[in-house]
Amino acid sequence: AGTIRYGDMKKELAEGMVTFISPIREKAEAIRNDEPYLRKVMEQG
């Protein structure tokens, strides 16, 4: 319709990306902090 507000669209996209990425980031941080698990995975790999 030619009435799009890109600022609103980018805010919606940003919150969607935050919701999508944050659990992945948190899981990755938990794995990085688990040295015994990392060592086991590297040795098995």
All heavy atoms as atom14 arrays in JSON, in Angstrom:
{
  "sequence": "AGTIRYGDMKKELAEGMVTFISPIREKAEAIRNDEPYLRKVMEQG",
  "atom14_mask": [
    [1, 1, 1, 1, 1, 0, 0, 0, 0, 0, 0, 0, 0, 0],
    [1, 1, 1, 1, 0, 0, 0, 0, 0, 0, 0, 0, 0, 0],
    [1, 1, 1, 1, 1, 1, 1, 0, 0, 0, 0, 0, 0, 0],
    [1, 1, 1, 1, 1, 1, 1, 1, 0, 0, 0, 0, 0, 0],
    [1, 1, 1, 1, 1, 1, 1, 1, 1, 1, 1, 0, 0, 0],
    [1, 1, 1, 1, 1, 1, 1, 1, 1, 1, 1, 1, 0, 0],
    [1, 1, 1, 1, 0, 0, 0, 0, 0, 0, 0, 0, 0, 0],
    [1, 1, 1, 1, 1, 1, 1, 1, 0, 0, 0, 0, 0, 0],
    [1, 1, 1, 1, 1, 1, 1, 1, 0, 0, 0, 0, 0, 0],
    [1, 1, 1, 1, 1, 1, 1, 1, 1, 0, 0, 0, 0, 0],
    [1, 1, 1, 1, 1, 1, 1, 1, 1, 0, 0, 0, 0, 0],
    [1, 1, 1, 1, 1, 1, 1, 1, 1, 0, 0, 0, 0, 0],
    [1, 1, 1, 1, 1, 1, 1, 1, 0, 0, 0, 0, 0, 0],
    [1, 1, 1, 1, 1, 0, 0, 0, 0, 0, 0, 0, 0, 0],
    [1, 1, 1, 1, 1, 1, 1, 1, 1, 0, 0, 0, 0, 0],
    [1, 1, 1, 1, 0, 0, 0, 0, 0, 0, 0, 0, 0, 0],
    [1, 1, 1, 1, 1, 1, 1, 1, 0, 0, 0, 0, 0, 0],
    [1, 1, 1, 1, 1, 1, 1, 0, 0, 0, 0, 0, 0, 0],
    [1, 1, 1, 1, 1, 1, 1, 0, 0, 0, 0, 0, 0, 0],
    [1, 1, 1, 1, 1, 1, 1, 1, 1, 1, 1, 0, 0, 0],
    [1, 1, 1, 1, 1, 1, 1, 1, 0, 0, 0, 0, 0, 0],
    [1, 1, 1, 1, 1, 1, 0, 0, 0, 0, 0, 0, 0, 0],
    [1, 1, 1, 1, 1, 1, 1, 0, 0, 0, 0, 0, 0, 0],
    [1, 1, 1, 1, 1, 1, 1, 1, 0, 0, 0, 0, 0, 0],
    [1, 1, 1, 1, 1, 1, 1, 1, 1, 1, 1, 0, 0, 0],
    [1, 1, 1, 1, 1, 1, 1, 1, 1, 0, 0, 0, 0, 0],
    [1, 1, 1, 1, 1, 1, 1, 1, 1, 0, 0, 0, 0, 0],
    [1, 1, 1, 1, 1, 0, 0, 0, 0, 0, 0, 0, 0, 0],
    [1, 1, 1, 1, 1, 1, 1, 1, 1, 0, 0, 0, 0, 0],
    [1, 1, 1, 1, 1, 0, 0, 0, 0, 0, 0, 0, 0, 0],
    [1, 1, 1, 1, 1, 1, 1, 1, 0, 0, 0, 0, 0, 0],
    [1, 1, 1, 1, 1, 1, 1, 1, 1, 1, 1, 0, 0, 0],
    [1, 1, 1, 1, 1, 1, 1, 1, 0, 0, 0, 0, 0, 0],
    [1, 1, 1, 1, 1, 1, 1, 1, 0, 0, 0, 0, 0, 0],
    [1, 1, 1, 1, 1, 1, 1, 1, 1, 0, 0, 0, 0, 0],
    [1, 1, 1, 1, 1, 1, 1, 0, 0, 0, 0, 0, 0, 0],
    [1, 1, 1, 1, 1, 1, 1, 1, 1, 1, 1, 1, 0, 0],
    [1, 1, 1, 1, 1, 1, 1, 1, 0, 0, 0, 0, 0, 0],
    [1, 1, 1, 1, 1, 1, 1, 1, 1, 1, 1, 0, 0, 0],
    [1, 1, 1, 1, 1, 1, 1, 1, 1, 0, 0, 0, 0, 0],
    [1, 1, 1, 1, 1, 1, 1, 0, 0, 0, 0, 0, 0, 0],
    [1, 1, 1, 1, 1, 1, 1, 1, 0, 0, 0, 0, 0, 0],
    [1, 1, 1, 1, 1, 1, 1, 1, 1, 0, 0, 0, 0, 0],
    [1, 1, 1, 1, 1, 1, 1, 1, 1, 0, 0, 0, 0, 0],
    [1, 1, 1, 1, 0, 0, 0, 0, 0, 0, 0, 0, 0, 0]
  ],
  "atom14_positions": [
    [[0.82, -1.21, 0.0], [0.0, 0.0, 0.0], [0.85, 1.27, 0.0], [0.33, 2.38, -0.14], [-0.92, 0.01, 1.22], [0.0, 0.0, 0.0], [0.0, 0.0, 0.0], [0.0, 0.0, 0.0], [0.0, 0.0, 0.0], [0.0, 0.0, 0.0], [0.0, 0.0, 0.0], [0.0, 0.0, 0.0], [0.0, 0.0, 0.0], [0.0, 0.0, 0.0]],
    [[2.17, 1.1, 0.17], [3.05, 2.26, 0.21], [3.01, 3.02, 1.52], [3.4, 4.2, 1.57], [0.0, 0.0, 0.0], [0.0, 0.0, 0.0], [0.0, 0.0, 0.0], [0.0, 0.0, 0.0], [0.0, 0.0, 0.0], [0.0, 0.0, 0.0], [0.0, 0.0, 0.0], [0.0, 0.0, 0.0], [0.0, 0.0, 0.0], [0.0, 0.0, 0.0]],
    [[2.57, 2.36, 2.58], [2.44, 3.04, 3.88], [3.32, 2.4, 4.96], [3.13, 2.67, 6.14], [0.97, 2.99, 4.36], [0.56, 1.61, 4.48], [0.06, 3.71, 3.37], [0.0, 0.0, 0.0], [0.0, 0.0, 0.0], [0.0, 0.0, 0.0], [0.0, 0.0, 0.0], [0.0, 0.0, 0.0], [0.0, 0.0, 0.0], [0.0, 0.0, 0.0]],
    [[4.26, 1.58, 4.55], [5.07, 0.86, 5.53], [5.93, 1.81, 6.34], [6.46, 2.8, 5.82], [5.94, -0.2, 4.84], [6.63, -1.09, 5.89], [6.98, 0.45, 3.92], [7.28, -2.33, 5.3], [0.0, 0.0, 0.0], [0.0, 0.0, 0.0], [0.0, 0.0, 0.0], [0.0, 0.0, 0.0], [0.0, 0.0, 0.0], [0.0, 0.0, 0.0]],
    [[6.07, 1.54, 7.63], [6.96, 2.29, 8.53], [8.12, 1.36, 8.87], [7.98, 0.42, 9.66], [6.19, 2.71, 9.78], [5.05, 3.69, 9.5], [4.13, 3.82, 10.71], [4.84, 4.3, 11.89], [4.93, 5.59, 12.23], [4.37, 6.52, 11.47], [5.57, 5.95, 13.33], [0.0, 0.0, 0.0], [0.0, 0.0, 0.0], [0.0, 0.0, 0.0]],
    [[9.27, 1.63, 8.26], [10.41, 0.73, 8.42], [10.91, 0.69, 9.85], [11.43, -0.34, 10.3], [11.54, 1.14, 7.47], [11.24, 0.83, 6.01], [11.14, 1.85, 5.08], [11.05, -0.48, 5.6], [10.86, 1.57, 3.75], [10.77, -0.77, 4.27], [10.68, 0.26, 3.35], [10.4, -0.02, 2.04], [0.0, 0.0, 0.0], [0.0, 0.0, 0.0]],
    [[10.76, 1.78, 10.58], [11.17, 1.78, 11.98], [10.4, 0.75, 12.77], [10.97, 0.01, 13.59], [0.0, 0.0, 0.0], [0.0, 0.0, 0.0], [0.0, 0.0, 0.0], [0.0, 0.0, 0.0], [0.0, 0.0, 0.0], [0.0, 0.0, 0.0], [0.0, 0.0, 0.0], [0.0, 0.0, 0.0], [0.0, 0.0, 0.0], [0.0, 0.0, 0.0]],
    [[9.08, 0.69, 12.55], [8.26, -0.3, 13.24], [8.63, -1.72, 12.82], [8.68, -2.64, 13.65], [6.78, -0.05, 12.94], [6.28, 1.24, 13.56], [6.96, 1.77, 14.47], [5.21, 1.75, 13.13], [0.0, 0.0, 0.0], [0.0, 0.0, 0.0], [0.0, 0.0, 0.0], [0.0, 0.0, 0.0], [0.0, 0.0, 0.0], [0.0, 0.0, 0.0]],
    [[8.89, -1.87, 11.53], [9.25, -3.19, 11.03], [10.56, -3.68, 11.64], [10.69, -4.84, 12.05], [9.36, -3.17, 9.5], [9.71, -4.51, 8.88], [9.92, -4.38, 7.09], [10.32, -6.07, 6.68], [0.0, 0.0, 0.0], [0.0, 0.0, 0.0], [0.0, 0.0, 0.0], [0.0, 0.0, 0.0], [0.0, 0.0, 0.0], [0.0, 0.0, 0.0]],
    [[11.55, -2.78, 11.73], [12.84, -3.18, 12.28], [12.75, -3.48, 13.78], [13.44, -4.36, 14.28], [13.88, -2.1, 11.98], [14.27, -2.07, 10.5], [15.53, -1.27, 10.23], [15.31, 0.2, 10.3], [16.51, 0.95, 9.83], [0.0, 0.0, 0.0], [0.0, 0.0, 0.0], [0.0, 0.0, 0.0], [0.0, 0.0, 0.0], [0.0, 0.0, 0.0]],
    [[11.88, -2.75, 14.49], [11.68, -3.07, 15.9], [11.08, -4.46, 16.06], [11.48, -5.23, 16.95], [10.77, -2.03, 16.54], [11.43, -0.67, 16.78], [10.46, 0.31, 17.41], [11.12, 1.67, 17.62], [10.17, 2.66, 18.18], [0.0, 0.0, 0.0], [0.0, 0.0, 0.0], [0.0, 0.0, 0.0], [0.0, 0.0, 0.0], [0.0, 0.0, 0.0]],
    [[10.11, -4.79, 15.22], [9.49, -6.12, 15.26], [10.52, -7.2, 14.93], [10.58, -8.24, 15.58], [8.33, -6.18, 14.27], [7.49, -7.44, 14.35], [6.65, -7.51, 15.62], [6.09, -6.48, 16.03], [6.54, -8.62, 16.18], [0.0, 0.0, 0.0], [0.0, 0.0, 0.0], [0.0, 0.0, 0.0], [0.0, 0.0, 0.0], [0.0, 0.0, 0.0]],
    [[11.33, -6.93, 13.91], [12.36, -7.88, 13.52], [13.39, -8.05, 14.63], [13.82, -9.18, 14.93], [13.05, -7.41, 12.24], [14.25, -8.23, 11.76], [13.86, -9.68, 11.51], [14.84, -7.61, 10.48], [0.0, 0.0, 0.0], [0.0, 0.0, 0.0], [0.0, 0.0, 0.0], [0.0, 0.0, 0.0], [0.0, 0.0, 0.0], [0.0, 0.0, 0.0]],
    [[13.78, -6.95, 15.26], [14.79, -7.02, 16.33], [14.3, -7.87, 17.49], [15.04, -8.73, 18.01], [15.13, -5.61, 16.81], [0.0, 0.0, 0.0], [0.0, 0.0, 0.0], [0.0, 0.0, 0.0], [0.0, 0.0, 0.0], [0.0, 0.0, 0.0], [0.0, 0.0, 0.0], [0.0, 0.0, 0.0], [0.0, 0.0, 0.0], [0.0, 0.0, 0.0]],
    [[13.06, -7.67, 17.91], [12.54, -8.46, 19.04], [12.4, -9.92, 18.66], [12.63, -10.82, 19.48], [11.19, -7.89, 19.51], [11.3, -6.5, 20.11], [12.4, -6.41, 21.16], [12.47, -7.3, 22.05], [13.21, -5.46, 21.09], [0.0, 0.0, 0.0], [0.0, 0.0, 0.0], [0.0, 0.0, 0.0], [0.0, 0.0, 0.0], [0.0, 0.0, 0.0]],
    [[12.02, -10.18, 17.4], [11.94, -11.56, 16.94], [13.3, -12.23, 16.94], [13.44, -13.4, 17.34], [0.0, 0.0, 0.0], [0.0, 0.0, 0.0], [0.0, 0.0, 0.0], [0.0, 0.0, 0.0], [0.0, 0.0, 0.0], [0.0, 0.0, 0.0], [0.0, 0.0, 0.0], [0.0, 0.0, 0.0], [0.0, 0.0, 0.0], [0.0, 0.0, 0.0]],
    [[14.32, -11.5, 16.51], [15.68, -12.05, 16.49], [16.21, -12.26, 17.91], [16.92, -13.24, 18.18], [16.61, -11.12, 15.72], [16.53, -11.28, 14.22], [17.1, -12.92, 13.71], [16.74, -12.86, 11.95], [0.0, 0.0, 0.0], [0.0, 0.0, 0.0], [0.0, 0.0, 0.0], [0.0, 0.0, 0.0], [0.0, 0.0, 0.0], [0.0, 0.0, 0.0]],
    [[15.9, -11.35, 18.82], [16.31, -11.52, 20.21], [15.71, -12.81, 20.77], [16.39, -13.6, 21.43], [15.87, -10.31, 21.06], [15.95, -10.63, 22.55], [16.74, -9.09, 20.74], [0.0, 0.0, 0.0], [0.0, 0.0, 0.0], [0.0, 0.0, 0.0], [0.0, 0.0, 0.0], [0.0, 0.0, 0.0], [0.0, 0.0, 0.0], [0.0, 0.0, 0.0]],
    [[14.43, -13.02, 20.52], [13.75, -14.22, 21.01], [14.34, -15.48, 20.39], [14.48, -16.52, 21.06], [12.25, -14.16, 20.68], [11.68, -12.99, 21.31], [11.51, -15.39, 21.16], [0.0, 0.0, 0.0], [0.0, 0.0, 0.0], [0.0, 0.0, 0.0], [0.0, 0.0, 0.0], [0.0, 0.0, 0.0], [0.0, 0.0, 0.0], [0.0, 0.0, 0.0]],
    [[14.74, -15.39, 19.12], [15.29, -16.55, 18.4], [16.72, -16.85, 18.82], [17.1, -18.02, 19.04], [15.24, -16.27, 16.9], [15.8, -17.38, 16.05], [15.05, -18.5, 15.75], [17.08, -17.29, 15.54], [15.57, -19.52, 14.98], [17.62, -18.31, 14.76], [16.86, -19.43, 14.48], [0.0, 0.0, 0.0], [0.0, 0.0, 0.0], [0.0, 0.0, 0.0]],
    [[17.55, -15.81, 18.95], [18.98, -16.01, 19.17], [19.34, -16.22, 20.63], [20.26, -17.0, 20.95], [19.78, -14.8, 18.6], [19.7, -14.82, 17.06], [21.23, -14.83, 19.05], [20.37, -13.63, 16.41], [0.0, 0.0, 0.0], [0.0, 0.0, 0.0], [0.0, 0.0, 0.0], [0.0, 0.0, 0.0], [0.0, 0.0, 0.0], [0.0, 0.0, 0.0]],
    [[18.66, -15.56, 21.56], [19.06, -15.62, 22.97], [19.14, -17.03, 23.55], [20.11, -17.34, 24.27], [18.16, -14.72, 23.83], [16.81, -15.1, 23.72], [0.0, 0.0, 0.0], [0.0, 0.0, 0.0], [0.0, 0.0, 0.0], [0.0, 0.0, 0.0], [0.0, 0.0, 0.0], [0.0, 0.0, 0.0], [0.0, 0.0, 0.0], [0.0, 0.0, 0.0]],
    [[18.19, -17.94, 23.27], [18.34, -19.3, 23.82], [19.56, -20.02, 23.26], [20.21, -20.8, 23.97], [17.03, -20.0, 23.4], [16.07, -18.91, 23.1], [16.89, -17.79, 22.55], [0.0, 0.0, 0.0], [0.0, 0.0, 0.0], [0.0, 0.0, 0.0], [0.0, 0.0, 0.0], [0.0, 0.0, 0.0], [0.0, 0.0, 0.0], [0.0, 0.0, 0.0]],
    [[19.89, -19.77, 21.99], [21.06, -20.39, 21.38], [22.33, -19.87, 22.05], [23.25, -20.63, 22.38], [21.1, -20.11, 19.87], [19.84, -20.67, 19.2], [22.36, -20.7, 19.23], [19.71, -20.31, 17.73], [0.0, 0.0, 0.0], [0.0, 0.0, 0.0], [0.0, 0.0, 0.0], [0.0, 0.0, 0.0], [0.0, 0.0, 0.0], [0.0, 0.0, 0.0]],
    [[22.38, -18.55, 22.26], [23.54, -17.93, 22.91], [23.71, -18.47, 24.33], [24.83, -18.81, 24.74], [23.35, -16.41, 22.94], [24.5, -15.66, 23.62], [24.2, -14.18, 23.73], [23.08, -13.9, 24.63], [21.96, -13.28, 24.26], [21.78, -12.86, 23.03], [20.98, -13.07, 25.14], [0.0, 0.0, 0.0], [0.0, 0.0, 0.0], [0.0, 0.0, 0.0]],
    [[22.63, -18.58, 25.06], [22.69, -19.06, 26.44], [23.15, -20.52, 26.51], [23.93, -20.9, 27.38], [21.32, -18.88, 27.11], [20.96, -17.41, 27.33], [19.5, -17.21, 27.66], [18.78, -18.23, 27.79], [19.07, -16.05, 27.77], [0.0, 0.0, 0.0], [0.0, 0.0, 0.0], [0.0, 0.0, 0.0], [0.0, 0.0, 0.0], [0.0, 0.0, 0.0]],
    [[22.66, -21.32, 25.58], [23.06, -22.73, 25.53], [24.55, -22.84, 25.2], [25.28, -23.63, 25.81], [22.24, -23.46, 24.48], [22.59, -24.95, 24.33], [22.23, -25.75, 25.57], [22.44, -27.23, 25.33], [22.1, -28.04, 26.52], [0.0, 0.0, 0.0], [0.0, 0.0, 0.0], [0.0, 0.0, 0.0], [0.0, 0.0, 0.0], [0.0, 0.0, 0.0]],
    [[25.01, -22.02, 24.24], [26.42, -22.04, 23.86], [27.31, -21.61, 25.03], [28.38, -22.2, 25.27], [26.66, -21.14, 22.66], [0.0, 0.0, 0.0], [0.0, 0.0, 0.0], [0.0, 0.0, 0.0], [0.0, 0.0, 0.0], [0.0, 0.0, 0.0], [0.0, 0.0, 0.0], [0.0, 0.0, 0.0], [0.0, 0.0, 0.0], [0.0, 0.0, 0.0]],
    [[26.88, -20.61, 25.78], [27.65, -20.15, 26.93], [27.73, -21.23, 27.99], [28.78, -21.43, 28.62], [27.01, -18.88, 27.5], [27.19, -17.65, 26.61], [26.46, -16.43, 27.15], [25.71, -16.59, 28.13], [26.65, -15.34, 26.6], [0.0, 0.0, 0.0], [0.0, 0.0, 0.0], [0.0, 0.0, 0.0], [0.0, 0.0, 0.0], [0.0, 0.0, 0.0]],
    [[26.63, -21.94, 28.2], [26.63, -23.01, 29.2], [27.6, -24.12, 28.8], [28.32, -24.67, 29.64], [25.21, -23.58, 29.35], [0.0, 0.0, 0.0], [0.0, 0.0, 0.0], [0.0, 0.0, 0.0], [0.0, 0.0, 0.0], [0.0, 0.0, 0.0], [0.0, 0.0, 0.0], [0.0, 0.0, 0.0], [0.0, 0.0, 0.0], [0.0, 0.0, 0.0]],
    [[27.64, -24.44, 27.51], [28.55, -25.47, 27.03], [30.0, -25.02, 27.17], [30.87, -25.78, 27.61], [28.23, -25.83, 25.56], [26.87, -26.54, 25.47], [29.33, -26.7, 24.96], [26.4, -26.8, 24.07], [0.0, 0.0, 0.0], [0.0, 0.0, 0.0], [0.0, 0.0, 0.0], [0.0, 0.0, 0.0], [0.0, 0.0, 0.0], [0.0, 0.0, 0.0]],
    [[30.29, -23.75, 26.82], [31.66, -23.23, 26.93], [32.16, -23.26, 28.37], [33.35, -23.43, 28.62], [31.73, -21.81, 26.39], [31.83, -21.72, 24.87], [32.3, -20.34, 24.44], [31.37, -19.3, 24.83], [30.37, -18.88, 24.09], [30.15, -19.43, 22.9], [29.56, -17.92, 24.52], [0.0, 0.0, 0.0], [0.0, 0.0, 0.0], [0.0, 0.0, 0.0]],
    [[31.27, -23.11, 29.32], [31.65, -23.09, 30.73], [31.74, -24.48, 31.35], [32.12, -24.61, 32.51], [30.66, -22.24, 31.52], [30.74, -20.77, 31.15], [31.81, -20.28, 30.82], [29.62, -20.07, 31.21], [0.0, 0.0, 0.0], [0.0, 0.0, 0.0], [0.0, 0.0, 0.0], [0.0, 0.0, 0.0], [0.0, 0.0, 0.0], [0.0, 0.0, 0.0]],
    [[31.39, -25.51, 30.57], [31.42, -26.89, 31.08], [32.66, -27.58, 30.52], [32.61, -28.31, 29.54], [30.15, -27.62, 30.64], [30.0, -28.97, 31.33], [30.98, -29.46, 31.92], [28.89, -29.55, 31.26], [0.0, 0.0, 0.0], [0.0, 0.0, 0.0], [0.0, 0.0, 0.0], [0.0, 0.0, 0.0], [0.0, 0.0, 0.0], [0.0, 0.0, 0.0]],
    [[33.8, -27.34, 31.17], [35.07, -27.85, 30.65], [35.13, -29.37, 30.57], [35.62, -29.93, 29.57], [36.23, -27.32, 31.49], [37.59, -27.69, 30.93], [38.72, -27.02, 31.68], [38.47, -25.97, 32.32], [39.85, -27.55, 31.61], [0.0, 0.0, 0.0], [0.0, 0.0, 0.0], [0.0, 0.0, 0.0], [0.0, 0.0, 0.0], [0.0, 0.0, 0.0]],
    [[34.65, -30.12, 31.59], [34.68, -31.59, 31.47], [33.89, -32.09, 30.26], [34.34, -33.01, 29.57], [34.04, -32.06, 32.79], [34.29, -30.93, 33.74], [34.17, -29.68, 32.92], [0.0, 0.0, 0.0], [0.0, 0.0, 0.0], [0.0, 0.0, 0.0], [0.0, 0.0, 0.0], [0.0, 0.0, 0.0], [0.0, 0.0, 0.0], [0.0, 0.0, 0.0]],
    [[32.74, -31.49, 30.01], [31.92, -31.9, 28.86], [32.66, -31.6, 27.55], [32.7, -32.44, 26.65], [30.58, -31.17, 28.88], [29.73, -31.41, 27.65], [29.07, -32.62, 27.46], [29.63, -30.43, 26.68], [28.31, -32.84, 26.32], [28.87, -30.63, 25.54], [28.21, -31.84, 25.36], [27.46, -32.05, 24.23], [0.0, 0.0, 0.0], [0.0, 0.0, 0.0]],
    [[33.25, -30.41, 27.45], [33.98, -30.04, 26.24], [35.15, -30.99, 25.98], [35.39, -31.41, 24.85], [34.5, -28.6, 26.35], [33.46, -27.49, 26.2], [34.11, -26.13, 26.44], [32.83, -27.52, 24.81], [0.0, 0.0, 0.0], [0.0, 0.0, 0.0], [0.0, 0.0, 0.0], [0.0, 0.0, 0.0], [0.0, 0.0, 0.0], [0.0, 0.0, 0.0]],
    [[35.87, -31.31, 27.04], [37.01, -32.21, 26.89], [36.55, -33.59, 26.41], [37.17, -34.2, 25.53], [37.76, -32.34, 28.22], [39.04, -33.15, 28.13], [39.8, -33.12, 29.44], [40.17, -31.76, 29.79], [41.23, -31.14, 29.29], [42.01, -31.76, 28.43], [41.5, -29.9, 29.65], [0.0, 0.0, 0.0], [0.0, 0.0, 0.0], [0.0, 0.0, 0.0]],
    [[35.44, -34.05, 26.97], [34.91, -35.36, 26.58], [34.5, -35.35, 25.1], [34.81, -36.3, 24.35], [33.7, -35.7, 27.45], [33.0, -37.0, 27.08], [31.78, -37.23, 27.96], [31.01, -38.47, 27.53], [29.79, -38.67, 28.35], [0.0, 0.0, 0.0], [0.0, 0.0, 0.0], [0.0, 0.0, 0.0], [0.0, 0.0, 0.0], [0.0, 0.0, 0.0]],
    [[33.81, -34.3, 24.68], [33.36, -34.21, 23.29], [34.55, -34.16, 22.34], [34.57, -34.82, 21.3], [32.46, -32.97, 23.1], [32.2, -32.71, 21.62], [31.13, -33.17, 23.82], [0.0, 0.0, 0.0], [0.0, 0.0, 0.0], [0.0, 0.0, 0.0], [0.0, 0.0, 0.0], [0.0, 0.0, 0.0], [0.0, 0.0, 0.0], [0.0, 0.0, 0.0]],
    [[35.58, -33.37, 22.69], [36.74, -33.25, 21.82], [37.51, -34.57, 21.71], [37.96, -34.95, 20.63], [37.66, -32.14, 22.33], [37.11, -30.75, 22.09], [38.28, -29.41, 22.45], [38.36, -29.51, 24.25], [0.0, 0.0, 0.0], [0.0, 0.0, 0.0], [0.0, 0.0, 0.0], [0.0, 0.0, 0.0], [0.0, 0.0, 0.0], [0.0, 0.0, 0.0]],
    [[37.62, -35.27, 22.83], [38.34, -36.54, 22.8], [37.58, -37.58, 21.99], [38.18, -38.32, 21.2], [38.56, -37.04, 24.24], [39.58, -36.21, 25.01], [39.67, -36.62, 26.47], [38.81, -37.42, 26.92], [40.6, -36.13, 27.17], [0.0, 0.0, 0.0], [0.0, 0.0, 0.0], [0.0, 0.0, 0.0], [0.0, 0.0, 0.0], [0.0, 0.0, 0.0]],
    [[36.26, -37.64, 22.17], [35.46, -38.59, 21.4], [35.48, -38.23, 19.92], [35.59, -39.12, 19.06], [34.02, -38.6, 21.92], [33.87, -39.22, 23.3], [32.43, -39.17, 23.8], [31.61, -38.4, 23.3], [32.13, -40.0, 24.79], [0.0, 0.0, 0.0], [0.0, 0.0, 0.0], [0.0, 0.0, 0.0], [0.0, 0.0, 0.0], [0.0, 0.0, 0.0]],
    [[35.38, -36.93, 19.62], [35.4, -36.51, 18.23], [36.72, -36.82, 17.56], [36.77, -37.26, 16.4], [0.0, 0.0, 0.0], [0.0, 0.0, 0.0], [0.0, 0.0, 0.0], [0.0, 0.0, 0.0], [0.0, 0.0, 0.0], [0.0, 0.0, 0.0], [0.0, 0.0, 0.0], [0.0, 0.0, 0.0], [0.0, 0.0, 0.0], [0.0, 0.0, 0.0]]
  ]
}
